[in-house]
Structures are given as structure tokens and as C-alpha cells.
């Protein structure tokens, strides 16, 4: 079943804040891809990072991954992270760069 792409209200602000903090990173807004594919693909220092952006200002039940997102996250052989802000995106990237294990954040903290 195809779901309409729904963009969380904080996504554009998150992208802009991230781009201000990391002007040398590439950011691709993939939210229109659908099929559970993550919202953002970031390229930095030869690595790719996939991020699903969730809005921290909505009820936790409204932050849950959709069925297609759950399926994608469960079957993807690479990394994908649920974040609520540009700061969380940066923290994930810096931990990975430093070789520090990254615990997957819950979409509803």
C-alpha cells in the first residue's frame, strides 16, 4: 500500500539549521520518495547518513514510525537514525566519525 508522503513540521527548520552548522555536508531531502525511505540523506567526509526526522512537539503516538518506515528500518542493512533536531543529526554523525557506537533513538522519546 502506498502512503502519501507526510513531512513533519520541524523538517524544513531542521534542514536549514543543519546546513548552517555543517555547510560542507550534502543534504538531500528524500521525504517525497515514500515506501518508508528516510527523510534525509546526508553526505559528509565520504560517508552517507540516513535520517528519519520526527517532530518532538507532537504526541509520542504521532511520532511513531509508519508501517513502511518500520519495514524499511528493519530490512535496511546500513544505518538509519531517527532524529528530532539538527543537533541530534550532528551528534550521530560525530559519534560515527569517532568510532563510538550509536544507540538508535526512539521516534517517541
C-alpha atoms as a PDB file:
ATOM      1  CA  UNK A   1       0.000   0.000   0.000  1.00  0.00           C
ATOM      2  CA  UNK A   2       1.354   3.424  -0.960  1.00  0.00           C
ATOM      3  CA  UNK A   3       1.177   6.082   1.756  1.00  0.00           C
ATOM      4  CA  UNK A   4       1.129   9.783   0.992  1.00  0.00           C
ATOM      5  CA  UNK A   5       4.393  11.424   1.990  1.00  0.00           C
ATOM      6  CA  UNK A   6       3.823  13.486   5.103  1.00  0.00           C
ATOM      7  CA  UNK A   7       6.564  15.849   6.177  1.00  0.00           C
ATOM      8  CA  UNK A   8       6.954  16.585   9.879  1.00  0.00           C
ATOM      9  CA  UNK A   9       6.504  20.279  10.691  1.00  0.00           C
ATOM     10  CA  UNK A  10      10.060  20.635  12.001  1.00  0.00           C
ATOM     11  CA  UNK A  11      11.771  19.074   8.990  1.00  0.00           C
ATOM     12  CA  UNK A  12      12.499  22.222   6.961  1.00  0.00           C
ATOM     13  CA  UNK A  13      13.782  24.071  10.037  1.00  0.00           C
ATOM     14  CA  UNK A  14      15.920  21.040  10.906  1.00  0.00           C
ATOM     15  CA  UNK A  15      17.424  21.008   7.407  1.00  0.00           C
ATOM     16  CA  UNK A  16      18.169  24.735   7.476  1.00  0.00           C
ATOM     17  CA  UNK A  17      19.715  24.582  10.955  1.00  0.00           C
ATOM     18  CA  UNK A  18      21.835  21.592   9.961  1.00  0.00           C
ATOM     19  CA  UNK A  19      23.042  23.310   6.778  1.00  0.00           C
ATOM     20  CA  UNK A  20      24.068  26.390   8.791  1.00  0.00           C
ATOM     21  CA  UNK A  21      26.027  24.211  11.202  1.00  0.00           C
ATOM     22  CA  UNK A  22      27.505  21.921   8.519  1.00  0.00           C
ATOM     23  CA  UNK A  23      27.876  23.901   5.277  1.00  0.00           C
ATOM     24  CA  UNK A  24      30.354  21.346   3.886  1.00  0.00           C
ATOM     25  CA  UNK A  25      27.832  18.474   4.140  1.00  0.00           C
ATOM     26  CA  UNK A  26      25.479  17.499   1.309  1.00  0.00           C
ATOM     27  CA  UNK A  27      21.807  17.229   2.271  1.00  0.00           C
ATOM     28  CA  UNK A  28      19.172  15.577   0.090  1.00  0.00           C
ATOM     29  CA  UNK A  29      15.524  15.815   1.110  1.00  0.00           C
ATOM     30  CA  UNK A  30      14.208  12.348   0.260  1.00  0.00           C
ATOM     31  CA  UNK A  31      10.876  12.736   2.049  1.00  0.00           C
ATOM     32  CA  UNK A  32       8.952  12.505  -1.229  1.00  0.00           C
ATOM     33  CA  UNK A  33      10.432   9.075  -2.018  1.00  0.00           C
ATOM     34  CA  UNK A  34       7.846   7.268   0.094  1.00  0.00           C
ATOM     35  CA  UNK A  35       7.908   3.497   0.619  1.00  0.00           C
ATOM     36  CA  UNK A  36       9.331   4.091   4.119  1.00  0.00           C
ATOM     37  CA  UNK A  37      12.577   5.600   2.840  1.00  0.00           C
ATOM     38  CA  UNK A  38      14.098   8.035   5.386  1.00  0.00           C
ATOM     39  CA  UNK A  39      13.511  11.779   5.094  1.00  0.00           C
ATOM     40  CA  UNK A  40      17.108  12.929   4.689  1.00  0.00           C
ATOM     41  CA  UNK A  41      20.288  11.606   3.131  1.00  0.00           C
ATOM     42  CA  UNK A  42      23.414  13.415   4.276  1.00  0.00           C
ATOM     43  CA  UNK A  43      26.841  13.008   2.732  1.00  0.00           C
ATOM     44  CA  UNK A  44      29.876  14.091   4.730  1.00  0.00           C
ATOM     45  CA  UNK A  45      33.522  13.097   4.639  1.00  0.00           C
ATOM     46  CA  UNK A  46      32.866  10.218   2.249  1.00  0.00           C
ATOM     47  CA  UNK A  47      30.032   8.689   4.287  1.00  0.00           C
ATOM     48  CA  UNK A  48      26.290   8.648   3.843  1.00  0.00           C
ATOM     49  CA  UNK A  49      23.857   9.055   6.711  1.00  0.00           C
ATOM     50  CA  UNK A  50      20.127   8.332   6.563  1.00  0.00           C
ATOM     51  CA  UNK A  51      17.839  10.221   8.925  1.00  0.00           C
ATOM     52  CA  UNK A  52      14.142   9.931   9.682  1.00  0.00           C
ATOM     53  CA  UNK A  53      13.017  13.277  11.146  1.00  0.00           C
ATOM     54  CA  UNK A  54      10.273  13.218  13.761  1.00  0.00           C
ATOM     55  CA  UNK A  55       8.657  16.226  15.410  1.00  0.00           C
ATOM     56  CA  UNK A  56       9.309  16.395  19.187  1.00  0.00           C
ATOM     57  CA  UNK A  57       6.377  18.791  19.637  1.00  0.00           C
ATOM     58  CA  UNK A  58       3.669  16.249  18.829  1.00  0.00           C
ATOM     59  CA  UNK A  59       2.270  13.453  20.970  1.00  0.00           C
ATOM     60  CA  UNK A  60       4.573  10.434  21.208  1.00  0.00           C
ATOM     61  CA  UNK A  61       1.978   8.286  19.437  1.00  0.00           C
ATOM     62  CA  UNK A  62       2.145  10.663  16.451  1.00  0.00           C
ATOM     63  CA  UNK A  63       5.944  10.248  16.275  1.00  0.00           C
ATOM     64  CA  UNK A  64       5.842   6.513  15.706  1.00  0.00           C
ATOM     65  CA  UNK A  65       7.298   5.114  12.529  1.00  0.00           C
ATOM     66  CA  UNK A  66       4.722   4.215   9.893  1.00  0.00           C
ATOM     67  CA  UNK A  67       4.432   0.589   8.778  1.00  0.00           C
ATOM     68  CA  UNK A  68       6.539   1.247   5.652  1.00  0.00           C
ATOM     69  CA  UNK A  69       9.158   3.046   7.764  1.00  0.00           C
ATOM     70  CA  UNK A  70       9.256   0.135  10.228  1.00  0.00           C
ATOM     71  CA  UNK A  71       9.703  -2.279   7.320  1.00  0.00           C
ATOM     72  CA  UNK A  72      12.485  -0.182   5.788  1.00  0.00           C
ATOM     73  CA  UNK A  73      14.336   0.274   9.084  1.00  0.00           C
ATOM     74  CA  UNK A  74      14.023  -3.434   9.833  1.00  0.00           C
ATOM     75  CA  UNK A  75      15.327  -4.609   6.474  1.00  0.00           C
ATOM     76  CA  UNK A  76      17.959  -1.956   5.715  1.00  0.00           C
ATOM     77  CA  UNK A  77      21.478  -3.392   6.009  1.00  0.00           C
ATOM     78  CA  UNK A  78      23.069   0.013   6.611  1.00  0.00           C
ATOM     79  CA  UNK A  79      22.495   2.647   9.256  1.00  0.00           C
ATOM     80  CA  UNK A  80      19.358   4.767   9.579  1.00  0.00           C
ATOM     81  CA  UNK A  81      18.630   7.031  12.530  1.00  0.00           C
ATOM     82  CA  UNK A  82      15.509   8.647  13.938  1.00  0.00           C
ATOM     83  CA  UNK A  83      16.210  12.242  14.991  1.00  0.00           C
ATOM     84  CA  UNK A  84      14.238  15.208  16.257  1.00  0.00           C
ATOM     85  CA  UNK A  85      16.695  18.040  15.535  1.00  0.00           C
ATOM     86  CA  UNK A  86      19.798  19.139  13.678  1.00  0.00           C
ATOM     87  CA  UNK A  87      21.741  18.763  16.922  1.00  0.00           C
ATOM     88  CA  UNK A  88      20.785  15.076  17.080  1.00  0.00           C
ATOM     89  CA  UNK A  89      21.846  14.616  13.451  1.00  0.00           C
ATOM     90  CA  UNK A  90      25.224  16.173  14.173  1.00  0.00           C
ATOM     91  CA  UNK A  91      25.671  14.102  17.337  1.00  0.00           C
ATOM     92  CA  UNK A  92      25.013  10.868  15.414  1.00  0.00           C
ATOM     93  CA  UNK A  93      27.482  11.822  12.698  1.00  0.00           C
ATOM     94  CA  UNK A  94      30.235  12.851  15.102  1.00  0.00           C
ATOM     95  CA  UNK A  95      29.836   9.671  17.142  1.00  0.00           C
ATOM     96  CA  UNK A  96      30.095   7.545  13.999  1.00  0.00           C
ATOM     97  CA  UNK A  97      33.134   9.538  12.817  1.00  0.00           C
ATOM     98  CA  UNK A  98      34.778   8.966  16.206  1.00  0.00           C
ATOM     99  CA  UNK A  99      34.019   5.224  16.121  1.00  0.00           C
ATOM    100  CA  UNK A 100      31.639   5.468  19.071  1.00  0.00           C
ATOM    101  CA  UNK A 101      28.627   3.128  18.884  1.00  0.00           C
ATOM    102  CA  UNK A 102      25.373   4.963  18.232  1.00  0.00           C
ATOM    103  CA  UNK A 103      22.285   3.787  20.040  1.00  0.00           C
ATOM    104  CA  UNK A 104      19.241   4.107  17.807  1.00  0.00           C
ATOM    105  CA  UNK A 105      16.944   6.806  19.159  1.00  0.00           C
ATOM    106  CA  UNK A 106      13.304   6.008  19.627  1.00  0.00           C
ATOM    107  CA  UNK A 107      10.898   8.011  17.486  1.00  0.00           C
ATOM    108  CA  UNK A 108       8.939   8.802  20.627  1.00  0.00           C
ATOM    109  CA  UNK A 109      11.373   9.630  23.464  1.00  0.00           C
END
